[in-house]
Amino acid sequence: EALLRHGNGAQVQRELLERTGSLREVVSACVRRTQAV
């Protein structure tokens, strides 16, 4: 969770891919984060 709050974009994407194993989920999460800002 700390990486998601403090990491750069590439680190966040790598963490999400490792955690979920789904590139689709990585893209969806990035879109959600972008829309929330």
C-alpha atoms as a PDB file:
ATOM      1  CA  GLU A   1       0.000   0.000   0.000  1.00  0.00           C
ATOM      2  CA  ALA A   2       2.815   2.447   0.721  1.00  0.00           C
ATOM      3  CA  LEU A   3       4.071   1.978  -2.838  1.00  0.00           C
ATOM      4  CA  LEU A   4       0.652   2.844  -4.195  1.00  0.00           C
ATOM      5  CA  ARG A   5       0.653   6.080  -2.195  1.00  0.00           C
ATOM      6  CA  HIS A   6       4.294   7.091  -2.689  1.00  0.00           C
ATOM      7  CA  GLY A   7       5.720   5.245  -5.717  1.00  0.00           C
ATOM      8  CA  ASN A   8       6.107   6.648  -9.196  1.00  0.00           C
ATOM      9  CA  GLY A   9       3.777   5.539 -11.980  1.00  0.00           C
ATOM     10  CA  ALA A  10       5.981   2.693 -13.224  1.00  0.00           C
ATOM     11  CA  GLN A  11       6.471   1.327  -9.712  1.00  0.00           C
ATOM     12  CA  VAL A  12       2.741   1.460  -9.067  1.00  0.00           C
ATOM     13  CA  GLN A  13       1.994  -0.356 -12.320  1.00  0.00           C
ATOM     14  CA  ARG A  14       4.585  -3.068 -11.614  1.00  0.00           C
ATOM     15  CA  GLU A  15       3.206  -3.592  -8.106  1.00  0.00           C
ATOM     16  CA  LEU A  16      -0.343  -3.871  -9.421  1.00  0.00           C
ATOM     17  CA  LEU A  17       0.699  -6.335 -12.130  1.00  0.00           C
ATOM     18  CA  GLU A  18       2.580  -8.487  -9.623  1.00  0.00           C
ATOM     19  CA  ARG A  19      -0.339  -8.387  -7.204  1.00  0.00           C
ATOM     20  CA  THR A  20      -3.162  -8.988  -9.683  1.00  0.00           C
ATOM     21  CA  GLY A  21      -1.433 -10.771 -12.569  1.00  0.00           C
ATOM     22  CA  SER A  22      -3.749  -8.892 -14.917  1.00  0.00           C
ATOM     23  CA  LEU A  23      -2.697  -6.134 -17.296  1.00  0.00           C
ATOM     24  CA  ARG A  24      -6.364  -5.269 -17.718  1.00  0.00           C
ATOM     25  CA  GLU A  25      -6.626  -4.660 -13.960  1.00  0.00           C
ATOM     26  CA  VAL A  26      -3.504  -2.464 -14.062  1.00  0.00           C
ATOM     27  CA  VAL A  27      -5.036  -0.294 -16.786  1.00  0.00           C
ATOM     28  CA  SER A  28      -8.382  -0.122 -14.980  1.00  0.00           C
ATOM     29  CA  ALA A  29      -6.714   0.878 -11.718  1.00  0.00           C
ATOM     30  CA  CYS A  30      -4.669   3.579 -13.455  1.00  0.00           C
ATOM     31  CA  VAL A  31      -7.807   4.986 -15.065  1.00  0.00           C
ATOM     32  CA  ARG A  32      -9.589   5.012 -11.692  1.00  0.00           C
ATOM     33  CA  ARG A  33      -6.635   6.804 -10.074  1.00  0.00           C
ATOM     34  CA  THR A  34      -6.504   9.371 -12.894  1.00  0.00           C
ATOM     35  CA  GLN A  35     -10.245  10.068 -12.714  1.00  0.00           C
ATOM     36  CA  ALA A  36     -10.090  10.482  -8.939  1.00  0.00           C
ATOM     37  CA  VAL A  37      -7.528  13.300  -9.155  1.00  0.00           C
END
